[in-house]
Amino acid sequence: MIEELLPDTVVTVEAYGHDDAGHLPLYPEEEALVARAVAKRRREFTVVRSCARRAMEKLGVPAQPVLTGEQGAPRWPAGLAGSMTHCDGYCAAALVRATDLASLGIDAEPDGPLPEGVLTAVALPGEAERLRRLAEERPGIHWDRLLFSAKESVYKAWFPLTGQWLDFSEADIEIAVDPGDPRRGTLHAVLLVPGPEVGGRRLTHFRGHWAARQGLVATTVTVPHT
């Protein structure tokens, strides 16, 4: 699902279902990170890291632990950029050589409404109005959840470039629908704070894609070097 939303240079490995059987075991360093975690957290942590190691192998990079750095962001092997996501019944990891992309972010969420009160904390007034119109015109997708996912993907692409927090209110995201497929489309995120410098230019926006399939909404953001 996420693979179709990313360039060919990105390697993606996905896992469906709740069982971690058949997935690669954790390294001792990873085990230490979830030693006291509840079963659900441990299962998702294990499966998504198994996806990440299989993606490394596809890129010809020796499999190795995926530990966490600042703000819980994954620490990738030198020369790679990547992102991971997990929700009920689904995990995915996407990796790319750092020479091909400056950064990327992926996120998947269940295609259901956000809990009460969350949209108010996530959406800017303009975003909320655009969601209202989308819901009227195309009621088959939970657009509030899609916006939340898009904000997550933007943050995951932002953080490796800046090492700084990005609040929900600091990016204004417009969702566009593909004329040929009403369950997928593009994202345009305008940064409302100074963006990172990439390739000698200051970024003012991020671009990405989305899809709603198999009971999920998924979003991706990629940041090219030029």
C-alpha atoms as a PDB file:
ATOM      1  CA  MET A   1       0.000   0.000   0.000  1.00  0.00           C
ATOM      2  CA  ILE A   2       2.669   2.515   0.998  1.00  0.00           C
ATOM      3  CA  GLU A   3       5.012   1.288  -1.733  1.00  0.00           C
ATOM      4  CA  GLU A   4       2.745   2.725  -4.438  1.00  0.00           C
ATOM      5  CA  LEU A   5       3.042   6.171  -2.841  1.00  0.00           C
ATOM      6  CA  LEU A   6       6.847   6.369  -2.967  1.00  0.00           C
ATOM      7  CA  PRO A   7       9.508   6.740  -5.690  1.00  0.00           C
ATOM      8  CA  ASP A   8      11.148   3.625  -7.127  1.00  0.00           C
ATOM      9  CA  THR A   9      14.376   4.450  -5.282  1.00  0.00           C
ATOM     10  CA  VAL A  10      12.637   3.742  -1.950  1.00  0.00           C
ATOM     11  CA  VAL A  11      12.472   0.155  -0.670  1.00  0.00           C
ATOM     12  CA  THR A  12       9.357  -0.657   1.355  1.00  0.00           C
ATOM     13  CA  VAL A  13       8.503  -3.738   3.408  1.00  0.00           C
ATOM     14  CA  GLU A  14       5.005  -4.134   4.850  1.00  0.00           C
ATOM     15  CA  ALA A  15       3.425  -6.610   7.262  1.00  0.00           C
ATOM     16  CA  TYR A  16      -0.295  -7.199   7.750  1.00  0.00           C
ATOM     17  CA  GLY A  17      -1.898  -8.900  10.722  1.00  0.00           C
ATOM     18  CA  HIS A  18      -1.273  -8.965  14.455  1.00  0.00           C
ATOM     19  CA  ASP A  19       1.030 -11.990  14.747  1.00  0.00           C
ATOM     20  CA  ASP A  20       4.791 -11.435  14.927  1.00  0.00           C
ATOM     21  CA  ALA A  21       5.498 -15.099  14.090  1.00  0.00           C
ATOM     22  CA  GLY A  22       7.889 -15.495  11.182  1.00  0.00           C
ATOM     23  CA  HIS A  23       9.453 -12.091  11.695  1.00  0.00           C
ATOM     24  CA  LEU A  24      13.086 -11.525  12.568  1.00  0.00           C
ATOM     25  CA  PRO A  25      13.897 -11.464  16.296  1.00  0.00           C
ATOM     26  CA  LEU A  26      15.075  -8.343  18.045  1.00  0.00           C
ATOM     27  CA  TYR A  27      18.736  -7.615  18.676  1.00  0.00           C
ATOM     28  CA  PRO A  28      19.723  -7.415  22.370  1.00  0.00           C
ATOM     29  CA  GLU A  29      20.034  -3.624  22.123  1.00  0.00           C
ATOM     30  CA  GLU A  30      16.466  -3.463  20.805  1.00  0.00           C
ATOM     31  CA  GLU A  31      15.220  -5.913  23.435  1.00  0.00           C
ATOM     32  CA  ALA A  32      16.430  -3.497  26.095  1.00  0.00           C
ATOM     33  CA  LEU A  33      14.203  -0.752  24.714  1.00  0.00           C
ATOM     34  CA  VAL A  34      11.013  -2.772  25.201  1.00  0.00           C
ATOM     35  CA  ALA A  35      11.977  -4.838  28.241  1.00  0.00           C
ATOM     36  CA  ARG A  36       9.054  -3.411  30.215  1.00  0.00           C
ATOM     37  CA  ALA A  37       6.664  -2.745  27.355  1.00  0.00           C
ATOM     38  CA  VAL A  38       3.165  -4.198  27.201  1.00  0.00           C
ATOM     39  CA  ALA A  39       2.573  -7.059  24.750  1.00  0.00           C
ATOM     40  CA  LYS A  40       0.989  -4.875  22.030  1.00  0.00           C
ATOM     41  CA  ARG A  41       3.846  -2.367  22.067  1.00  0.00           C
ATOM     42  CA  ARG A  42       6.445  -5.133  22.030  1.00  0.00           C
ATOM     43  CA  ARG A  43       4.729  -6.921  19.112  1.00  0.00           C
ATOM     44  CA  GLU A  44       4.536  -3.779  16.947  1.00  0.00           C
ATOM     45  CA  PHE A  45       8.122  -2.829  17.853  1.00  0.00           C
ATOM     46  CA  THR A  46       9.336  -6.289  16.807  1.00  0.00           C
ATOM     47  CA  VAL A  47       7.403  -6.506  13.540  1.00  0.00           C
ATOM     48  CA  VAL A  48       8.256  -3.017  12.308  1.00  0.00           C
ATOM     49  CA  ARG A  49      11.963  -3.580  12.986  1.00  0.00           C
ATOM     50  CA  SER A  50      11.794  -6.864  11.142  1.00  0.00           C
ATOM     51  CA  CYS A  51      10.378  -4.891   8.189  1.00  0.00           C
ATOM     52  CA  ALA A  52      13.234  -2.394   8.507  1.00  0.00           C
ATOM     53  CA  ARG A  53      15.914  -5.094   8.471  1.00  0.00           C
ATOM     54  CA  ARG A  54      14.396  -6.758   5.421  1.00  0.00           C
ATOM     55  CA  ALA A  55      14.415  -3.358   3.720  1.00  0.00           C
ATOM     56  CA  MET A  56      18.117  -2.972   4.584  1.00  0.00           C
ATOM     57  CA  GLU A  57      18.818  -6.343   2.991  1.00  0.00           C
ATOM     58  CA  LYS A  58      16.979  -5.293  -0.176  1.00  0.00           C
ATOM     59  CA  LEU A  59      19.282  -2.271  -0.371  1.00  0.00           C
ATOM     60  CA  GLY A  60      22.347  -4.469   0.121  1.00  0.00           C
ATOM     61  CA  VAL A  61      23.021  -3.090   3.607  1.00  0.00           C
ATOM     62  CA  PRO A  62      23.872  -5.576   6.393  1.00  0.00           C
ATOM     63  CA  ALA A  63      20.934  -5.941   8.792  1.00  0.00           C
ATOM     64  CA  GLN A  64      21.528  -4.169  12.091  1.00  0.00           C
ATOM     65  CA  PRO A  65      19.624  -2.829  15.105  1.00  0.00           C
ATOM     66  CA  VAL A  66      17.297   0.124  14.733  1.00  0.00           C
ATOM     67  CA  LEU A  67      17.650   2.075  17.968  1.00  0.00           C
ATOM     68  CA  THR A  68      16.058   5.377  18.919  1.00  0.00           C
ATOM     69  CA  GLY A  69      17.549   8.831  19.191  1.00  0.00           C
ATOM     70  CA  GLU A  70      16.111  12.223  20.071  1.00  0.00           C
ATOM     71  CA  GLN A  71      12.312  12.401  20.395  1.00  0.00           C
ATOM     72  CA  GLY A  72      12.193   8.645  19.791  1.00  0.00           C
ATOM     73  CA  ALA A  73      13.179   8.974  16.128  1.00  0.00           C
ATOM     74  CA  PRO A  74      14.795   5.854  14.608  1.00  0.00           C
ATOM     75  CA  ARG A  75      18.555   5.947  14.068  1.00  0.00           C
ATOM     76  CA  TRP A  76      19.373   4.560  10.635  1.00  0.00           C
ATOM     77  CA  PRO A  77      22.691   3.148   9.400  1.00  0.00           C
ATOM     78  CA  ALA A  78      25.058   5.674   7.838  1.00  0.00           C
ATOM     79  CA  GLY A  79      24.106   6.450   4.260  1.00  0.00           C
ATOM     80  CA  LEU A  80      20.401   5.648   4.679  1.00  0.00           C
ATOM     81  CA  ALA A  81      17.256   7.666   5.303  1.00  0.00           C
ATOM     82  CA  GLY A  82      14.054   6.039   6.376  1.00  0.00           C
ATOM     83  CA  SER A  83      10.779   5.981   8.235  1.00  0.00           C
ATOM     84  CA  MET A  84       8.569   3.433  10.000  1.00  0.00           C
ATOM     85  CA  THR A  85       4.905   3.230  10.947  1.00  0.00           C
ATOM     86  CA  HIS A  86       2.606   0.850  12.772  1.00  0.00           C
ATOM     87  CA  CYS A  87      -1.036   0.684  13.742  1.00  0.00           C
ATOM     88  CA  ASP A  88      -3.464  -2.120  14.554  1.00  0.00           C
ATOM     89  CA  GLY A  89      -2.812  -4.920  12.082  1.00  0.00           C
ATOM     90  CA  TYR A  90      -0.255  -3.119   9.941  1.00  0.00           C
ATOM     91  CA  CYS A  91       3.459  -2.265  10.055  1.00  0.00           C
ATOM     92  CA  ALA A  92       5.762  -0.823   7.390  1.00  0.00           C
ATOM     93  CA  ALA A  93       9.301   0.453   6.960  1.00  0.00           C
ATOM     94  CA  ALA A  94      10.633   2.504   4.044  1.00  0.00           C
ATOM     95  CA  LEU A  95      14.350   3.018   3.392  1.00  0.00           C
ATOM     96  CA  VAL A  96      16.314   4.868   0.739  1.00  0.00           C
ATOM     97  CA  ARG A  97      19.932   5.715   0.122  1.00  0.00           C
ATOM     98  CA  ALA A  98      20.660   9.204   1.433  1.00  0.00           C
ATOM     99  CA  THR A  99      22.098  10.119  -1.960  1.00  0.00           C
ATOM    100  CA  ASP A 100      18.641   9.614  -3.515  1.00  0.00           C
ATOM    101  CA  LEU A 101      16.490  11.517  -0.999  1.00  0.00           C
ATOM    102  CA  ALA A 102      17.246  14.002   1.756  1.00  0.00           C
ATOM    103  CA  SER A 103      14.458  12.639   3.973  1.00  0.00           C
ATOM    104  CA  LEU A 104      11.128  10.854   3.959  1.00  0.00           C
ATOM    105  CA  GLY A 105       8.201  10.161   6.252  1.00  0.00           C
ATOM    106  CA  ILE A 106       5.481   7.505   6.178  1.00  0.00           C
ATOM    107  CA  ASP A 107       2.411   6.957   8.314  1.00  0.00           C
ATOM    108  CA  ALA A 108      -0.596   4.613   8.365  1.00  0.00           C
ATOM    109  CA  GLU A 109      -3.725   4.883  10.468  1.00  0.00           C
ATOM    110  CA  PRO A 110      -7.019   2.977  10.697  1.00  0.00           C
ATOM    111  CA  ASP A 111      -9.585   4.526   8.347  1.00  0.00           C
ATOM    112  CA  GLY A 112     -11.907   5.601  11.134  1.00  0.00           C
ATOM    113  CA  PRO A 113     -12.836   8.918  12.751  1.00  0.00           C
ATOM    114  CA  LEU A 114     -10.431  10.607  15.126  1.00  0.00           C
ATOM    115  CA  PRO A 115     -11.367  10.519  18.809  1.00  0.00           C
ATOM    116  CA  GLU A 116     -13.518  13.438  19.906  1.00  0.00           C
ATOM    117  CA  GLY A 117     -11.544  16.641  20.388  1.00  0.00           C
ATOM    118  CA  VAL A 118      -8.421  15.526  18.519  1.00  0.00           C
ATOM    119  CA  LEU A 119      -9.226  17.312  15.259  1.00  0.00           C
ATOM    120  CA  THR A 120      -9.480  20.636  17.089  1.00  0.00           C
ATOM    121  CA  ALA A 121      -5.924  20.131  18.374  1.00  0.00           C
ATOM    122  CA  VAL A 122      -4.587  19.017  14.983  1.00  0.00           C
ATOM    123  CA  ALA A 123      -6.256  21.156  12.321  1.00  0.00           C
ATOM    124  CA  LEU A 124      -5.780  24.815  11.477  1.00  0.00           C
ATOM    125  CA  PRO A 125      -9.004  26.712  10.652  1.00  0.00           C
ATOM    126  CA  GLY A 126      -8.299  26.555   6.903  1.00  0.00           C
ATOM    127  CA  GLU A 127      -7.569  22.846   7.086  1.00  0.00           C
ATOM    128  CA  ALA A 128     -10.780  22.186   9.005  1.00  0.00           C
ATOM    129  CA  GLU A 129     -12.808  24.039   6.363  1.00  0.00           C
ATOM    130  CA  ARG A 130     -11.171  22.068   3.538  1.00  0.00           C
ATOM    131  CA  LEU A 131     -11.892  18.816   5.390  1.00  0.00           C
ATOM    132  CA  ARG A 132     -15.529  19.818   5.733  1.00  0.00           C
ATOM    133  CA  ARG A 133     -15.782  20.309   1.978  1.00  0.00           C
ATOM    134  CA  LEU A 134     -14.030  17.017   1.250  1.00  0.00           C
ATOM    135  CA  ALA A 135     -16.382  15.172   3.599  1.00  0.00           C
ATOM    136  CA  GLU A 136     -19.382  16.673   1.806  1.00  0.00           C
ATOM    137  CA  GLU A 137     -18.068  15.919  -1.688  1.00  0.00           C
ATOM    138  CA  ARG A 138     -16.462  12.514  -0.972  1.00  0.00           C
ATOM    139  CA  PRO A 139     -17.947  10.979   2.185  1.00  0.00           C
ATOM    140  CA  GLY A 140     -16.313   7.546   1.832  1.00  0.00           C
ATOM    141  CA  ILE A 141     -13.053   8.488   3.596  1.00  0.00           C
ATOM    142  CA  HIS A 142     -12.368   9.727   7.121  1.00  0.00           C
ATOM    143  CA  TRP A 143     -10.599  12.918   6.117  1.00  0.00           C
ATOM    144  CA  ASP A 144      -9.874  13.956   9.691  1.00  0.00           C
ATOM    145  CA  ARG A 145      -7.811  10.783  10.190  1.00  0.00           C
ATOM    146  CA  LEU A 146      -6.091  11.357   6.844  1.00  0.00           C
ATOM    147  CA  LEU A 147      -5.059  14.854   7.895  1.00  0.00           C
ATOM    148  CA  PHE A 148      -3.672  13.484  11.156  1.00  0.00           C
ATOM    149  CA  SER A 149      -1.650  10.903   9.213  1.00  0.00           C
ATOM    150  CA  ALA A 150      -0.349  13.579   6.860  1.00  0.00           C
ATOM    151  CA  LYS A 151       0.807  15.699   9.811  1.00  0.00           C
ATOM    152  CA  GLU A 152       2.672  12.656  11.158  1.00  0.00           C
ATOM    153  CA  SER A 153       4.399  12.031   7.815  1.00  0.00           C
ATOM    154  CA  VAL A 154       5.394  15.686   7.549  1.00  0.00           C
ATOM    155  CA  TYR A 155       6.909  15.577  11.035  1.00  0.00           C
ATOM    156  CA  LYS A 156       8.800  12.342  10.310  1.00  0.00           C
ATOM    157  CA  ALA A 157      10.336  13.933   7.200  1.00  0.00           C
ATOM    158  CA  TRP A 158      11.034  17.213   9.025  1.00  0.00           C
ATOM    159  CA  PHE A 159      12.768  15.939  12.156  1.00  0.00           C
ATOM    160  CA  PRO A 160      15.844  14.257  10.575  1.00  0.00           C
ATOM    161  CA  LEU A 161      16.568  17.513   8.734  1.00  0.00           C
ATOM    162  CA  THR A 162      16.198  19.810  11.740  1.00  0.00           C
ATOM    163  CA  GLY A 163      16.390  17.851  14.984  1.00  0.00           C
ATOM    164  CA  GLN A 164      13.531  20.071  16.160  1.00  0.00           C
ATOM    165  CA  TRP A 165       9.888  19.579  17.086  1.00  0.00           C
ATOM    166  CA  LEU A 166       7.247  20.634  14.554  1.00  0.00           C
ATOM    167  CA  ASP A 167       3.852  21.410  16.038  1.00  0.00           C
ATOM    168  CA  PHE A 168       0.621  20.436  14.282  1.00  0.00           C
ATOM    169  CA  SER A 169      -0.079  24.150  13.826  1.00  0.00           C
ATOM    170  CA  GLU A 170       3.219  24.807  12.041  1.00  0.00           C
ATOM    171  CA  ALA A 171       2.350  23.153   8.730  1.00  0.00           C
ATOM    172  CA  ASP A 172      -0.758  23.890   6.660  1.00  0.00           C
ATOM    173  CA  ILE A 173      -1.665  20.802   4.619  1.00  0.00           C
ATOM    174  CA  GLU A 174      -3.896  20.734   1.554  1.00  0.00           C
ATOM    175  CA  ILE A 175      -5.229  17.357   0.425  1.00  0.00           C
ATOM    176  CA  ALA A 176      -5.960  16.853  -3.286  1.00  0.00           C
ATOM    177  CA  VAL A 177      -7.841  13.905  -4.798  1.00  0.00           C
ATOM    178  CA  ASP A 178      -6.604  12.057  -7.891  1.00  0.00           C
ATOM    179  CA  PRO A 179      -9.208  12.576 -10.660  1.00  0.00           C
ATOM    180  CA  GLY A 180      -8.701   8.990 -11.805  1.00  0.00           C
ATOM    181  CA  ASP A 181      -8.848   7.374  -8.365  1.00  0.00           C
ATOM    182  CA  PRO A 182     -10.974   8.946  -5.617  1.00  0.00           C
ATOM    183  CA  ARG A 183      -9.198   6.929  -2.917  1.00  0.00           C
ATOM    184  CA  ARG A 184      -5.755   8.353  -3.474  1.00  0.00           C
ATOM    185  CA  GLY A 185      -4.151  11.725  -4.177  1.00  0.00           C
ATOM    186  CA  THR A 186      -1.463  14.228  -3.210  1.00  0.00           C
ATOM    187  CA  LEU A 187      -0.467  16.363  -0.227  1.00  0.00           C
ATOM    188  CA  HIS A 188       0.953  19.875  -0.185  1.00  0.00           C
ATOM    189  CA  ALA A 189       2.273  21.023   3.195  1.00  0.00           C
ATOM    190  CA  VAL A 190       3.200  24.693   3.540  1.00  0.00           C
ATOM    191  CA  LEU A 191       5.666  25.207   6.401  1.00  0.00           C
ATOM    192  CA  LEU A 192       4.608  28.086   8.655  1.00  0.00           C
ATOM    193  CA  VAL A 193       8.014  28.255  10.347  1.00  0.00           C
ATOM    194  CA  PRO A 194      11.451  28.558   8.691  1.00  0.00           C
ATOM    195  CA  GLY A 195      12.202  25.292   6.930  1.00  0.00           C
ATOM    196  CA  PRO A 196      15.494  23.390   6.772  1.00  0.00           C
ATOM    197  CA  GLU A 197      18.124  24.035   4.133  1.00  0.00           C
ATOM    198  CA  VAL A 198      18.435  21.243   1.587  1.00  0.00           C
ATOM    199  CA  GLY A 199      20.659  21.449  -1.455  1.00  0.00           C
ATOM    200  CA  GLY A 200      21.489  25.081  -0.757  1.00  0.00           C
ATOM    201  CA  ARG A 201      17.857  26.222  -0.583  1.00  0.00           C
ATOM    202  CA  ARG A 202      15.498  26.930   2.278  1.00  0.00           C
ATOM    203  CA  LEU A 203      12.458  24.668   2.078  1.00  0.00           C
ATOM    204  CA  THR A 204       9.049  26.315   2.332  1.00  0.00           C
ATOM    205  CA  HIS A 205       6.872  23.267   1.718  1.00  0.00           C
ATOM    206  CA  PHE A 206       6.800  19.470   1.603  1.00  0.00           C
ATOM    207  CA  ARG A 207       4.957  17.299  -0.904  1.00  0.00           C
ATOM    208  CA  GLY A 208       3.566  13.823  -0.583  1.00  0.00           C
ATOM    209  CA  HIS A 209       0.895  11.281  -1.477  1.00  0.00           C
ATOM    210  CA  TRP A 210      -1.975   9.471   0.217  1.00  0.00           C
ATOM    211  CA  ALA A 211      -4.200   6.452  -0.278  1.00  0.00           C
ATOM    212  CA  ALA A 212      -7.170   4.879   1.519  1.00  0.00           C
ATOM    213  CA  ARG A 213      -7.328   1.112   1.122  1.00  0.00           C
ATOM    214  CA  GLN A 214      -7.895  -2.100   3.108  1.00  0.00           C
ATOM    215  CA  GLY A 215      -9.325  -0.258   6.090  1.00  0.00           C
ATOM    216  CA  LEU A 216      -6.307   2.061   6.346  1.00  0.00           C
ATOM    217  CA  VAL A 217      -5.311   5.574   5.360  1.00  0.00           C
ATOM    218  CA  ALA A 218      -1.626   5.961   4.484  1.00  0.00           C
ATOM    219  CA  THR A 219       0.476   9.026   3.741  1.00  0.00           C
ATOM    220  CA  THR A 220       4.019   9.612   2.561  1.00  0.00           C
ATOM    221  CA  VAL A 221       6.262  12.670   2.277  1.00  0.00           C
ATOM    222  CA  THR A 222       9.569  12.750   0.383  1.00  0.00           C
ATOM    223  CA  VAL A 223      12.182  15.490   0.382  1.00  0.00           C
ATOM    224  CA  PRO A 224      14.436  15.544  -2.702  1.00  0.00           C
ATOM    225  CA  HIS A 225      17.894  17.063  -2.668  1.00  0.00           C
ATOM    226  CA  THR A 226      17.024  19.618  -5.369  1.00  0.00           C
END
